[in-house]
Amino acid sequence: MTEIKLRIDFDKERYIGHGRIQLLELIGEHGSIAQAAKAMDMSYKRAWYLMDEFNSMFADPLIERQHGGRGGGAAKLTPFGAELVRQYREMEAKALSVFAKPLASMEKHLARHQKAVRKAG
């Protein structure tokens, strides 16, 4: 199935993309960075780094963390984090609806099977 994956580049270092939004959504669902990372087949360290980087990108935090104790830590989306996810998904849906006809046309012309690509040299 053809997809459009939206990426918003604020500048050379700061961007929002599909993977980061998915990680935020999963943190919201699971209440845990570790569980969200596991659901994405990502290391906890990588997920924590991405969320720390993502959290520092905006003036308002996207997630709130409770540090581990006996039962481990927890994380939840802030109202701003939930709104960012909502806005991103809304833009993504609008982009898909705007480009539905051209995408359908492109799909009609796709080869049934991907052709082998010859390597140069």
PDB file of N, CA and C in Angstrom:
ATOM      1  N   MET A   1       0.833  -1.180   0.000  1.00  0.00           N
ATOM      2  CA  MET A   1       0.000   0.000   0.000  1.00  0.00           C
ATOM      3  C   MET A   1       0.880   1.246   0.000  1.00  0.00           C
ATOM      4  N   THR A   2       0.534   2.177  -0.797  1.00  0.00           N
ATOM      5  CA  THR A   2       1.278   3.426  -0.893  1.00  0.00           C
ATOM      6  C   THR A   2       0.975   4.294   0.318  1.00  0.00           C
ATOM      7  N   GLU A   3       2.008   4.889   0.863  1.00  0.00           N
ATOM      8  CA  GLU A   3       1.866   5.765   2.021  1.00  0.00           C
ATOM      9  C   GLU A   3       2.546   7.092   1.739  1.00  0.00           C
ATOM     10  N   ILE A   4       2.095   8.105   2.420  1.00  0.00           N
ATOM     11  CA  ILE A   4       2.805   9.376   2.452  1.00  0.00           C
ATOM     12  C   ILE A   4       3.312   9.525   3.871  1.00  0.00           C
ATOM     13  N   LYS A   5       4.600   9.741   4.016  1.00  0.00           N
ATOM     14  CA  LYS A   5       5.176   9.963   5.338  1.00  0.00           C
ATOM     15  C   LYS A   5       5.659  11.401   5.386  1.00  0.00           C
ATOM     16  N   LEU A   6       5.010  12.146   6.218  1.00  0.00           N
ATOM     17  CA  LEU A   6       5.268  13.567   6.340  1.00  0.00           C
ATOM     18  C   LEU A   6       6.486  13.819   7.224  1.00  0.00           C
ATOM     19  N   ARG A   7       7.347  14.703   6.789  1.00  0.00           N
ATOM     20  CA  ARG A   7       8.489  15.143   7.599  1.00  0.00           C
ATOM     21  C   ARG A   7       8.506  16.660   7.553  1.00  0.00           C
ATOM     22  N   ILE A   8       8.579  17.265   8.723  1.00  0.00           N
ATOM     23  CA  ILE A   8       8.604  18.715   8.838  1.00  0.00           C
ATOM     24  C   ILE A   8       9.976  19.112   9.360  1.00  0.00           C
ATOM     25  N   ASP A   9      10.739  19.821   8.535  1.00  0.00           N
ATOM     26  CA  ASP A   9      12.065  20.301   8.927  1.00  0.00           C
ATOM     27  C   ASP A   9      11.947  21.754   9.359  1.00  0.00           C
ATOM     28  N   PHE A  10      12.161  21.999  10.647  1.00  0.00           N
ATOM     29  CA  PHE A  10      12.133  23.373  11.146  1.00  0.00           C
ATOM     30  C   PHE A  10      13.441  24.090  10.803  1.00  0.00           C
ATOM     31  N   ASP A  11      14.517  23.342  10.827  1.00  0.00           N
ATOM     32  CA  ASP A  11      15.834  23.808  10.407  1.00  0.00           C
ATOM     33  C   ASP A  11      16.678  22.560  10.166  1.00  0.00           C
ATOM     34  N   LYS A  12      17.994  22.713  10.046  1.00  0.00           N
ATOM     35  CA  LYS A  12      18.835  21.562   9.690  1.00  0.00           C
ATOM     36  C   LYS A  12      18.872  20.476  10.765  1.00  0.00           C
ATOM     37  N   GLU A  13      18.661  20.844  12.027  1.00  0.00           N
ATOM     38  CA  GLU A  13      18.759  19.852  13.097  1.00  0.00           C
ATOM     39  C   GLU A  13      17.427  19.445  13.709  1.00  0.00           C
ATOM     40  N   ARG A  14      16.407  20.264  13.550  1.00  0.00           N
ATOM     41  CA  ARG A  14      15.139  19.995  14.234  1.00  0.00           C
ATOM     42  C   ARG A  14      14.044  19.636  13.230  1.00  0.00           C
ATOM     43  N   TYR A  15      13.472  18.451  13.438  1.00  0.00           N
ATOM     44  CA  TYR A  15      12.418  17.987  12.537  1.00  0.00           C
ATOM     45  C   TYR A  15      11.443  17.073  13.278  1.00  0.00           C
ATOM     46  N   ILE A  16      10.275  16.941  12.684  1.00  0.00           N
ATOM     47  CA  ILE A  16       9.268  15.984  13.138  1.00  0.00           C
ATOM     48  C   ILE A  16       9.048  15.027  11.979  1.00  0.00           C
ATOM     49  N   GLY A  17       9.068  13.752  12.272  1.00  0.00           N
ATOM     50  CA  GLY A  17       8.817  12.757  11.250  1.00  0.00           C
ATOM     51  C   GLY A  17       7.929  11.642  11.771  1.00  0.00           C
ATOM     52  N   HIS A  18       7.597  10.741  10.885  1.00  0.00           N
ATOM     53  CA  HIS A  18       6.687   9.631  11.176  1.00  0.00           C
ATOM     54  C   HIS A  18       7.141   8.807  12.388  1.00  0.00           C
ATOM     55  N   GLY A  19       8.417   8.454  12.435  1.00  0.00           N
ATOM     56  CA  GLY A  19       8.924   7.609  13.516  1.00  0.00           C
ATOM     57  C   GLY A  19       8.834   8.261  14.881  1.00  0.00           C
ATOM     58  N   ARG A  20       9.160   9.533  14.958  1.00  0.00           N
ATOM     59  CA  ARG A  20       9.095  10.240  16.239  1.00  0.00           C
ATOM     60  C   ARG A  20       7.653  10.367  16.715  1.00  0.00           C
ATOM     61  N   ILE A  21       6.755  10.633  15.781  1.00  0.00           N
ATOM     62  CA  ILE A  21       5.341  10.736  16.143  1.00  0.00           C
ATOM     63  C   ILE A  21       4.829   9.375  16.610  1.00  0.00           C
ATOM     64  N   GLN A  22       5.221   8.324  15.919  1.00  0.00           N
ATOM     65  CA  GLN A  22       4.807   6.980  16.320  1.00  0.00           C
ATOM     66  C   GLN A  22       5.321   6.655  17.720  1.00  0.00           C
ATOM     67  N   LEU A  23       6.559   7.028  18.015  1.00  0.00           N
ATOM     68  CA  LEU A  23       7.115   6.798  19.343  1.00  0.00           C
ATOM     69  C   LEU A  23       6.313   7.557  20.396  1.00  0.00           C
ATOM     70  N   LEU A  24       5.970   8.805  20.114  1.00  0.00           N
ATOM     71  CA  LEU A  24       5.132   9.574  21.042  1.00  0.00           C
ATOM     72  C   LEU A  24       3.785   8.881  21.260  1.00  0.00           C
ATOM     73  N   GLU A  25       3.157   8.437  20.182  1.00  0.00           N
ATOM     74  CA  GLU A  25       1.864   7.752  20.302  1.00  0.00           C
ATOM     75  C   GLU A  25       1.974   6.514  21.183  1.00  0.00           C
ATOM     76  N   LEU A  26       3.037   5.752  20.974  1.00  0.00           N
ATOM     77  CA  LEU A  26       3.214   4.523  21.749  1.00  0.00           C
ATOM     78  C   LEU A  26       3.517   4.817  23.216  1.00  0.00           C
ATOM     79  N   ILE A  27       4.234   5.888  23.490  1.00  0.00           N
ATOM     80  CA  ILE A  27       4.450   6.292  24.885  1.00  0.00           C
ATOM     81  C   ILE A  27       3.102   6.625  25.520  1.00  0.00           C
ATOM     82  N   GLY A  28       2.264   7.339  24.773  1.00  0.00           N
ATOM     83  CA  GLY A  28       0.927   7.650  25.261  1.00  0.00           C
ATOM     84  C   GLY A  28       0.098   6.401  25.530  1.00  0.00           C
ATOM     85  N   GLU A  29       0.198   5.414  24.653  1.00  0.00           N
ATOM     86  CA  GLU A  29      -0.563   4.166  24.809  1.00  0.00           C
ATOM     87  C   GLU A  29      -0.053   3.315  25.962  1.00  0.00           C
ATOM     88  N   HIS A  30       1.277   3.168  26.042  1.00  0.00           N
ATOM     89  CA  HIS A  30       1.871   2.247  27.013  1.00  0.00           C
ATOM     90  C   HIS A  30       2.227   2.900  28.347  1.00  0.00           C
ATOM     91  N   GLY A  31       2.367   4.222  28.364  1.00  0.00           N
ATOM     92  CA  GLY A  31       2.762   4.897  29.598  1.00  0.00           C
ATOM     93  C   GLY A  31       4.201   4.618  29.986  1.00  0.00           C
ATOM     94  N   SER A  32       5.008   4.261  28.995  1.00  0.00           N
ATOM     95  CA  SER A  32       6.386   3.861  29.270  1.00  0.00           C
ATOM     96  C   SER A  32       7.237   4.027  28.015  1.00  0.00           C
ATOM     97  N   ILE A  33       8.404   4.633  28.190  1.00  0.00           N
ATOM     98  CA  ILE A  33       9.343   4.741  27.072  1.00  0.00           C
ATOM     99  C   ILE A  33       9.863   3.356  26.712  1.00  0.00           C
ATOM    100  N   ALA A  34      10.144   2.540  27.730  1.00  0.00           N
ATOM    101  CA  ALA A  34      10.673   1.194  27.488  1.00  0.00           C
ATOM    102  C   ALA A  34       9.686   0.348  26.687  1.00  0.00           C
ATOM    103  N   GLN A  35       8.410   0.395  27.049  1.00  0.00           N
ATOM    104  CA  GLN A  35       7.404  -0.395  26.333  1.00  0.00           C
ATOM    105  C   GLN A  35       7.182   0.136  24.919  1.00  0.00           C
ATOM    106  N   ALA A  36       7.225   1.453  24.768  1.00  0.00           N
ATOM    107  CA  ALA A  36       7.088   2.047  23.435  1.00  0.00           C
ATOM    108  C   ALA A  36       8.262   1.627  22.552  1.00  0.00           C
ATOM    109  N   ALA A  37       9.464   1.653  23.117  1.00  0.00           N
ATOM    110  CA  ALA A  37      10.656   1.238  22.370  1.00  0.00           C
ATOM    111  C   ALA A  37      10.539  -0.220  21.944  1.00  0.00           C
ATOM    112  N   LYS A  38      10.098  -1.057  22.866  1.00  0.00           N
ATOM    113  CA  LYS A  38       9.941  -2.482  22.568  1.00  0.00           C
ATOM    114  C   LYS A  38       8.939  -2.689  21.430  1.00  0.00           C
ATOM    115  N   ALA A  39       7.846  -1.945  21.454  1.00  0.00           N
ATOM    116  CA  ALA A  39       6.824  -2.062  20.404  1.00  0.00           C
ATOM    117  C   ALA A  39       7.360  -1.661  19.035  1.00  0.00           C
ATOM    118  N   MET A  40       8.401  -0.814  19.025  1.00  0.00           N
ATOM    119  CA  MET A  40       8.997  -0.372  17.754  1.00  0.00           C
ATOM    120  C   MET A  40      10.278  -1.129  17.414  1.00  0.00           C
ATOM    121  N   ASP A  41      10.607  -2.159  18.199  1.00  0.00           N
ATOM    122  CA  ASP A  41      11.870  -2.891  18.021  1.00  0.00           C
ATOM    123  C   ASP A  41      13.062  -1.943  18.068  1.00  0.00           C
ATOM    124  N   MET A  42      13.046  -1.061  19.047  1.00  0.00           N
ATOM    125  CA  MET A  42      14.083  -0.050  19.216  1.00  0.00           C
ATOM    126  C   MET A  42      14.673  -0.225  20.616  1.00  0.00           C
ATOM    127  N   SER A  43      15.937   0.080  20.774  1.00  0.00           N
ATOM    128  CA  SER A  43      16.522  -0.005  22.108  1.00  0.00           C
ATOM    129  C   SER A  43      15.947   1.099  22.995  1.00  0.00           C
ATOM    130  N   TYR A  44      15.893   0.807  24.284  1.00  0.00           N
ATOM    131  CA  TYR A  44      15.409   1.805  25.238  1.00  0.00           C
ATOM    132  C   TYR A  44      16.295   3.043  25.176  1.00  0.00           C
ATOM    133  N   LYS A  45      17.602   2.825  25.070  1.00  0.00           N
ATOM    134  CA  LYS A  45      18.549   3.944  25.032  1.00  0.00           C
ATOM    135  C   LYS A  45      18.260   4.863  23.840  1.00  0.00           C
ATOM    136  N   ARG A  46      18.006   4.277  22.686  1.00  0.00           N
ATOM    137  CA  ARG A  46      17.701   5.064  21.479  1.00  0.00           C
ATOM    138  C   ARG A  46      16.389   5.839  21.653  1.00  0.00           C
ATOM    139  N   ALA A  47      15.370   5.172  22.177  1.00  0.00           N
ATOM    140  CA  ALA A  47      14.076   5.832  22.386  1.00  0.00           C
ATOM    141  C   ALA A  47      14.214   6.974  23.387  1.00  0.00           C
ATOM    142  N   TRP A  48      14.949   6.734  24.461  1.00  0.00           N
ATOM    143  CA  TRP A  48      15.146   7.765  25.477  1.00  0.00           C
ATOM    144  C   TRP A  48      15.879   8.956  24.866  1.00  0.00           C
ATOM    145  N   TYR A  49      16.917   8.686  24.074  1.00  0.00           N
ATOM    146  CA  TYR A  49      17.673   9.751  23.410  1.00  0.00           C
ATOM    147  C   TYR A  49      16.764  10.558  22.475  1.00  0.00           C
ATOM    148  N   LEU A  50      15.975   9.873  21.663  1.00  0.00           N
ATOM    149  CA  LEU A  50      15.076  10.561  20.727  1.00  0.00           C
ATOM    150  C   LEU A  50      14.065  11.433  21.463  1.00  0.00           C
ATOM    151  N   MET A  51      13.497  10.902  22.545  1.00  0.00           N
ATOM    152  CA  MET A  51      12.507  11.681  23.294  1.00  0.00           C
ATOM    153  C   MET A  51      13.154  12.851  24.021  1.00  0.00           C
ATOM    154  N   ASP A  52      14.363  12.669  24.511  1.00  0.00           N
ATOM    155  CA  ASP A  52      15.079  13.768  25.158  1.00  0.00           C
ATOM    156  C   ASP A  52      15.358  14.870  24.137  1.00  0.00           C
ATOM    157  N   GLU A  53      15.800  14.473  22.958  1.00  0.00           N
ATOM    158  CA  GLU A  53      16.065  15.417  21.867  1.00  0.00           C
ATOM    159  C   GLU A  53      14.770  16.105  21.420  1.00  0.00           C
ATOM    160  N   PHE A  54      13.726  15.326  21.271  1.00  0.00           N
ATOM    161  CA  PHE A  54      12.426  15.833  20.838  1.00  0.00           C
ATOM    162  C   PHE A  54      11.846  16.785  21.885  1.00  0.00           C
ATOM    163  N   ASN A  55      11.959  16.405  23.159  1.00  0.00           N
ATOM    164  CA  ASN A  55      11.454  17.237  24.254  1.00  0.00           C
ATOM    165  C   ASN A  55      12.162  18.589  24.296  1.00  0.00           C
ATOM    166  N   SER A  56      13.454  18.605  23.999  1.00  0.00           N
ATOM    167  CA  SER A  56      14.217  19.858  24.069  1.00  0.00           C
ATOM    168  C   SER A  56      14.016  20.736  22.833  1.00  0.00           C
ATOM    169  N   MET A  57      13.349  20.210  21.822  1.00  0.00           N
ATOM    170  CA  MET A  57      13.125  20.950  20.584  1.00  0.00           C
ATOM    171  C   MET A  57      12.108  22.074  20.767  1.00  0.00           C
ATOM    172  N   PHE A  58      11.188  21.891  21.675  1.00  0.00           N
ATOM    173  CA  PHE A  58      10.093  22.838  21.869  1.00  0.00           C
ATOM    174  C   PHE A  58      10.198  23.519  23.228  1.00  0.00           C
ATOM    175  N   ALA A  59       9.577  24.691  23.338  1.00  0.00           N
ATOM    176  CA  ALA A  59       9.569  25.422  24.604  1.00  0.00           C
ATOM    177  C   ALA A  59       8.786  24.652  25.668  1.00  0.00           C
ATOM    178  N   ASP A  60       7.751  23.934  25.246  1.00  0.00           N
ATOM    179  CA  ASP A  60       6.944  23.133  26.168  1.00  0.00           C
ATOM    180  C   ASP A  60       7.300  21.664  25.996  1.00  0.00           C
ATOM    181  N   PRO A  61       7.343  20.903  27.090  1.00  0.00           N
ATOM    182  CA  PRO A  61       7.691  19.481  26.978  1.00  0.00           C
ATOM    183  C   PRO A  61       6.593  18.673  26.291  1.00  0.00           C
ATOM    184  N   LEU A  62       7.011  17.598  25.642  1.00  0.00           N
ATOM    185  CA  LEU A  62       6.086  16.688  24.964  1.00  0.00           C
ATOM    186  C   LEU A  62       5.692  15.518  25.856  1.00  0.00           C
ATOM    187  N   ILE A  63       6.627  15.099  26.690  1.00  0.00           N
ATOM    188  CA  ILE A  63       6.347  14.001  27.617  1.00  0.00           C
ATOM    189  C   ILE A  63       6.795  14.397  29.014  1.00  0.00           C
ATOM    190  N   GLU A  64       6.158  13.772  29.995  1.00  0.00           N
ATOM    191  CA  GLU A  64       6.561  13.907  31.393  1.00  0.00           C
ATOM    192  C   GLU A  64       7.034  12.538  31.840  1.00  0.00           C
ATOM    193  N   ARG A  65       8.150  12.513  32.537  1.00  0.00           N
ATOM    194  CA  ARG A  65       8.707  11.244  33.007  1.00  0.00           C
ATOM    195  C   ARG A  65       8.621  11.170  34.521  1.00  0.00           C
ATOM    196  N   GLN A  66       8.361   9.968  35.016  1.00  0.00           N
ATOM    197  CA  GLN A  66       8.500   9.676  36.432  1.00  0.00           C
ATOM    198  C   GLN A  66       9.651   8.694  36.508  1.00  0.00           C
ATOM    199  N   HIS A  67      10.639   9.026  37.298  1.00  0.00           N
ATOM    200  CA  HIS A  67      11.814   8.163  37.370  1.00  0.00           C
ATOM    201  C   HIS A  67      11.478   6.857  38.072  1.00  0.00           C
ATOM    202  N   GLY A  68      12.214   5.830  37.675  1.00  0.00           N
ATOM    203  CA  GLY A  68      11.971   4.476  38.159  1.00  0.00           C
ATOM    204  C   GLY A  68      12.091   4.341  39.658  1.00  0.00           C
ATOM    205  N   GLY A  69      11.403   3.423  40.131  1.00  0.00           N
ATOM    206  CA  GLY A  69      11.447   3.050  41.531  1.00  0.00           C
ATOM    207  C   GLY A  69      11.252   1.557  41.554  1.00  0.00           C
ATOM    208  N   ARG A  70      10.501   1.119  42.487  1.00  0.00           N
ATOM    209  CA  ARG A  70      10.253  -0.307  42.615  1.00  0.00           C
ATOM    210  C   ARG A  70       9.566  -0.895  41.376  1.00  0.00           C
ATOM    211  N   GLY A  71       8.585  -0.183  40.857  1.00  0.00           N
ATOM    212  CA  GLY A  71       7.856  -0.685  39.689  1.00  0.00           C
ATOM    213  C   GLY A  71       8.402  -0.173  38.366  1.00  0.00           C
ATOM    214  N   GLY A  72       9.509   0.556  38.410  1.00  0.00           N
ATOM    215  CA  GLY A  72      10.065   1.129  37.188  1.00  0.00           C
ATOM    216  C   GLY A  72       9.512   2.511  36.938  1.00  0.00           C
ATOM    217  N   GLY A  73       9.987   3.155  35.913  1.00  0.00           N
ATOM    218  CA  GLY A  73       9.558   4.511  35.595  1.00  0.00           C
ATOM    219  C   GLY A  73       8.295   4.517  34.751  1.00  0.00           C
ATOM    220  N   ALA A  74       7.798   5.706  34.537  1.00  0.00           N
ATOM    221  CA  ALA A  74       6.607   5.878  33.706  1.00  0.00           C
ATOM    222  C   ALA A  74       6.781   7.148  32.887  1.00  0.00           C
ATOM    223  N   ALA A  75       6.019   7.254  31.840  1.00  0.00           N
ATOM    224  CA  ALA A  75       6.046   8.450  30.996  1.00  0.00           C
ATOM    225  C   ALA A  75       4.650   8.661  30.438  1.00  0.00           C
ATOM    226  N   LYS A  76       4.295   9.911  30.250  1.00  0.00           N
ATOM    227  CA  LYS A  76       3.003  10.213  29.635  1.00  0.00           C
ATOM    228  C   LYS A  76       3.141  11.454  28.779  1.00  0.00           C
ATOM    229  N   LEU A  77       2.254  11.560  27.806  1.00  0.00           N
ATOM    230  CA  LEU A  77       2.240  12.741  26.951  1.00  0.00           C
ATOM    231  C   LEU A  77       1.683  13.920  27.729  1.00  0.00           C
ATOM    232  N   THR A  78       2.278  15.068  27.518  1.00  0.00           N
ATOM    233  CA  THR A  78       1.714  16.297  28.057  1.00  0.00           C
ATOM    234  C   THR A  78       0.562  16.712  27.138  1.00  0.00           C
ATOM    235  N   PRO A  79      -0.261  17.651  27.565  1.00  0.00           N
ATOM    236  CA  PRO A  79      -1.296  18.142  26.648  1.00  0.00           C
ATOM    237  C   PRO A  79      -0.690  18.662  25.340  1.00  0.00           C
ATOM    238  N   PHE A  80       0.466  19.335  25.425  1.00  0.00           N
ATOM    239  CA  PHE A  80       1.128  19.809  24.204  1.00  0.00           C
ATOM    240  C   PHE A  80       1.579  18.634  23.337  1.00  0.00           C
ATOM    241  N   GLY A  81       2.130  17.590  23.954  1.00  0.00           N
ATOM    242  CA  GLY A  81       2.554  16.410  23.206  1.00  0.00           C
ATOM    243  C   GLY A  81       1.396  15.751  22.480  1.00  0.00           C
ATOM    244  N   ALA A  82       0.261  15.622  23.168  1.00  0.00           N
ATOM    245  CA  ALA A  82      -0.934  15.032  22.552  1.00  0.00           C
ATOM    246  C   ALA A  82      -1.433  15.905  21.398  1.00  0.00           C
ATOM    247  N   GLU A  83      -1.379  17.218  21.571  1.00  0.00           N
ATOM    248  CA  GLU A  83      -1.822  18.136  20.519  1.00  0.00           C
ATOM    249  C   GLU A  83      -0.885  18.079  19.312  1.00  0.00           C
ATOM    250  N   LEU A  84       0.413  17.966  19.548  1.00  0.00           N
ATOM    251  CA  LEU A  84       1.375  17.861  18.454  1.00  0.00           C
ATOM    252  C   LEU A  84       1.096  16.609  17.621  1.00  0.00           C
ATOM    253  N   VAL A  85       0.850  15.490  18.292  1.00  0.00           N
ATOM    254  CA  VAL A  85       0.527  14.245  17.594  1.00  0.00           C
ATOM    255  C   VAL A  85      -0.746  14.430  16.771  1.00  0.00           C
ATOM    256  N   ARG A  86      -1.772  15.023  17.374  1.00  0.00           N
ATOM    257  CA  ARG A  86      -3.042  15.246  16.678  1.00  0.00           C
ATOM    258  C   ARG A  86      -2.843  16.109  15.432  1.00  0.00           C
ATOM    259  N   GLN A  87      -2.087  17.200  15.581  1.00  0.00           N
ATOM    260  CA  GLN A  87      -1.854  18.100  14.448  1.00  0.00           C
ATOM    261  C   GLN A  87      -1.072  17.408  13.332  1.00  0.00           C
ATOM    262  N   TYR A  88      -0.061  16.653  13.705  1.00  0.00           N
ATOM    263  CA  TYR A  88       0.744  15.936  12.713  1.00  0.00           C
ATOM    264  C   TYR A  88      -0.134  14.951  11.936  1.00  0.00           C
ATOM    265  N   ARG A  89      -0.927  14.158  12.653  1.00  0.00           N
ATOM    266  CA  ARG A  89      -1.783  13.165  11.993  1.00  0.00           C
ATOM    267  C   ARG A  89      -2.834  13.845  11.116  1.00  0.00           C
ATOM    268  N   GLU A  90      -3.309  14.998  11.533  1.00  0.00           N
ATOM    269  CA  GLU A  90      -4.265  15.751  10.716  1.00  0.00           C
ATOM    270  C   GLU A  90      -3.605  16.216   9.418  1.00  0.00           C
ATOM    271  N   MET A  91      -2.392  16.744   9.507  1.00  0.00           N
ATOM    272  CA  MET A  91      -1.675  17.175   8.301  1.00  0.00           C
ATOM    273  C   MET A  91      -1.399  15.991   7.384  1.00  0.00           C
ATOM    274  N   GLU A  92      -1.025  14.859   7.975  1.00  0.00           N
ATOM    275  CA  GLU A  92      -0.744  13.652   7.203  1.00  0.00           C
ATOM    276  C   GLU A  92      -2.000  13.192   6.449  1.00  0.00           C
ATOM    277  N   ALA A  93      -3.135  13.189   7.122  1.00  0.00           N
ATOM    278  CA  ALA A  93      -4.394  12.773   6.490  1.00  0.00           C
ATOM    279  C   ALA A  93      -4.783  13.730   5.367  1.00  0.00           C
ATOM    280  N   LYS A  94      -4.592  15.020   5.592  1.00  0.00           N
ATOM    281  CA  LYS A  94      -4.911  15.999   4.549  1.00  0.00           C
ATOM    282  C   LYS A  94      -4.008  15.818   3.337  1.00  0.00           C
ATOM    283  N   ALA A  95      -2.729  15.574   3.585  1.00  0.00           N
ATOM    284  CA  ALA A  95      -1.794  15.357   2.472  1.00  0.00           C
ATOM    285  C   ALA A  95      -2.215  14.136   1.663  1.00  0.00           C
ATOM    286  N   LEU A  96      -2.610  13.078   2.350  1.00  0.00           N
ATOM    287  CA  LEU A  96      -3.033  11.865   1.651  1.00  0.00           C
ATOM    288  C   LEU A  96      -4.287  12.118   0.818  1.00  0.00           C
ATOM    289  N   SER A  97      -5.232  12.874   1.359  1.00  0.00           N
ATOM    290  CA  SER A  97      -6.450  13.144   0.585  1.00  0.00           C
ATOM    291  C   SER A  97      -6.165  14.050  -0.612  1.00  0.00           C
ATOM    292  N   VAL A  98      -5.275  15.016  -0.451  1.00  0.00           N
ATOM    293  CA  VAL A  98      -4.916  15.916  -1.557  1.00  0.00           C
ATOM    294  C   VAL A  98      -4.230  15.141  -2.680  1.00  0.00           C
ATOM    295  N   PHE A  99      -3.400  14.179  -2.313  1.00  0.00           N
ATOM    296  CA  PHE A  99      -2.616  13.454  -3.311  1.00  0.00           C
ATOM    297  C   PHE A  99      -3.199  12.092  -3.677  1.00  0.00           C
ATOM    298  N   ALA A 100      -4.420  11.791  -3.263  1.00  0.00           N
ATOM    299  CA  ALA A 100      -5.014  10.472  -3.518  1.00  0.00           C
ATOM    300  C   ALA A 100      -5.078  10.139  -5.011  1.00  0.00           C
ATOM    301  N   LYS A 101      -5.549  11.059  -5.835  1.00  0.00           N
ATOM    302  CA  LYS A 101      -5.674  10.781  -7.278  1.00  0.00           C
ATOM    303  C   LYS A 101      -4.316  10.598  -7.948  1.00  0.00           C
ATOM    304  N   PRO A 102      -3.355  11.517  -7.734  1.00  0.00           N
ATOM    305  CA  PRO A 102      -2.046  11.285  -8.359  1.00  0.00           C
ATOM    306  C   PRO A 102      -1.383   9.991  -7.875  1.00  0.00           C
ATOM    307  N   LEU A 103      -1.563   9.659  -6.588  1.00  0.00           N
ATOM    308  CA  LEU A 103      -0.983   8.413  -6.081  1.00  0.00           C
ATOM    309  C   LEU A 103      -1.631   7.203  -6.747  1.00  0.00           C
ATOM    310  N   ALA A 104      -2.943   7.242  -6.911  1.00  0.00           N
ATOM    311  CA  ALA A 104      -3.646   6.134  -7.575  1.00  0.00           C
ATOM    312  C   ALA A 104      -3.143   5.964  -9.005  1.00  0.00           C
ATOM    313  N   SER A 105      -2.911   7.076  -9.682  1.00  0.00           N
ATOM    314  CA  SER A 105      -2.386   7.023 -11.046  1.00  0.00           C
ATOM    315  C   SER A 105      -0.992   6.403 -11.065  1.00  0.00           C
ATOM    316  N   MET A 106      -0.148   6.820 -10.139  1.00  0.00           N
ATOM    317  CA  MET A 106       1.206   6.260 -10.062  1.00  0.00           C
ATOM    318  C   MET A 106       1.155   4.765  -9.773  1.00  0.00           C
ATOM    319  N   GLU A 107       0.274   4.365  -8.851  1.00  0.00           N
ATOM    320  CA  GLU A 107       0.165   2.950  -8.496  1.00  0.00           C
ATOM    321  C   GLU A 107      -0.236   2.097  -9.694  1.00  0.00           C
ATOM    322  N   LYS A 108      -1.101   2.623 -10.567  1.00  0.00           N
ATOM    323  CA  LYS A 108      -1.524   1.884 -11.761  1.00  0.00           C
ATOM    324  C   LYS A 108      -0.342   1.551 -12.657  1.00  0.00           C
ATOM    325  N   HIS A 109       0.659   2.386 -12.637  1.00  0.00           N
ATOM    326  CA  HIS A 109       1.808   2.214 -13.521  1.00  0.00           C
ATOM    327  C   HIS A 109       2.969   1.461 -12.873  1.00  0.00           C
ATOM    328  N   LEU A 110       2.798   1.054 -11.629  1.00  0.00           N
ATOM    329  CA  LEU A 110       3.863   0.284 -10.987  1.00  0.00           C
ATOM    330  C   LEU A 110       4.002  -1.072 -11.666  1.00  0.00           C
ATOM    331  N   ALA A 111       5.227  -1.547 -11.788  1.00  0.00           N
ATOM    332  CA  ALA A 111       5.454  -2.895 -12.309  1.00  0.00           C
ATOM    333  C   ALA A 111       4.895  -3.893 -11.295  1.00  0.00           C
ATOM    334  N   ARG A 112       4.458  -5.037 -11.787  1.00  0.00           N
ATOM    335  CA  ARG A 112       3.912  -6.053 -10.875  1.00  0.00           C
ATOM    336  C   ARG A 112       4.949  -6.498  -9.857  1.00  0.00           C
ATOM    337  N   HIS A 113       6.143  -6.645 -10.296  1.00  0.00           N
ATOM    338  CA  HIS A 113       7.243  -7.042  -9.420  1.00  0.00           C
ATOM    339  C   HIS A 113       8.353  -6.033  -9.602  1.00  0.00           C
ATOM    340  N   GLN A 114       9.048  -5.775  -8.518  1.00  0.00           N
ATOM    341  CA  GLN A 114      10.159  -4.833  -8.628  1.00  0.00           C
ATOM    342  C   GLN A 114      11.234  -5.447  -9.509  1.00  0.00           C
ATOM    343  N   LYS A 115      11.668  -4.673 -10.475  1.00  0.00           N
ATOM    344  CA  LYS A 115      12.697  -5.150 -11.392  1.00  0.00           C
ATOM    345  C   LYS A 115      14.048  -5.092 -10.703  1.00  0.00           C
ATOM    346  N   ALA A 116      14.887  -6.046 -11.056  1.00  0.00           N
ATOM    347  CA  ALA A 116      16.236  -6.059 -10.504  1.00  0.00           C
ATOM    348  C   ALA A 116      16.996  -4.841 -11.011  1.00  0.00           C
ATOM    349  N   VAL A 117      17.759  -4.265 -10.141  1.00  0.00           N
ATOM    350  CA  VAL A 117      18.554  -3.094 -10.506  1.00  0.00           C
ATOM    351  C   VAL A 117      19.982  -3.562 -10.727  1.00  0.00           C
ATOM    352  N   ARG A 118      20.494  -3.240 -11.906  1.00  0.00           N
ATOM    353  CA  ARG A 118      21.877  -3.612 -12.205  1.00  0.00           C
ATOM    354  C   ARG A 118      22.822  -2.655 -11.522  1.00  0.00           C
ATOM    355  N   LYS A 119      23.866  -3.220 -10.949  1.00  0.00           N
ATOM    356  CA  LYS A 119      24.890  -2.392 -10.318  1.00  0.00           C
ATOM    357  C   LYS A 119      25.875  -1.934 -11.375  1.00  0.00           C
ATOM    358  N   ALA A 120      26.266  -0.692 -11.267  1.00  0.00           N
ATOM    359  CA  ALA A 120      27.240  -0.135 -12.215  1.00  0.00           C
ATOM    360  C   ALA A 120      28.619  -0.723 -11.935  1.00  0.00           C
ATOM    361  N   GLY A 121      29.375  -0.909 -12.997  1.00  0.00           N
ATOM    362  CA  GLY A 121      30.776  -1.316 -12.889  1.00  0.00           C
ATOM    363  C   GLY A 121      30.905  -2.734 -12.702  1.00  0.00           C
TER     364      GLY A 121
END
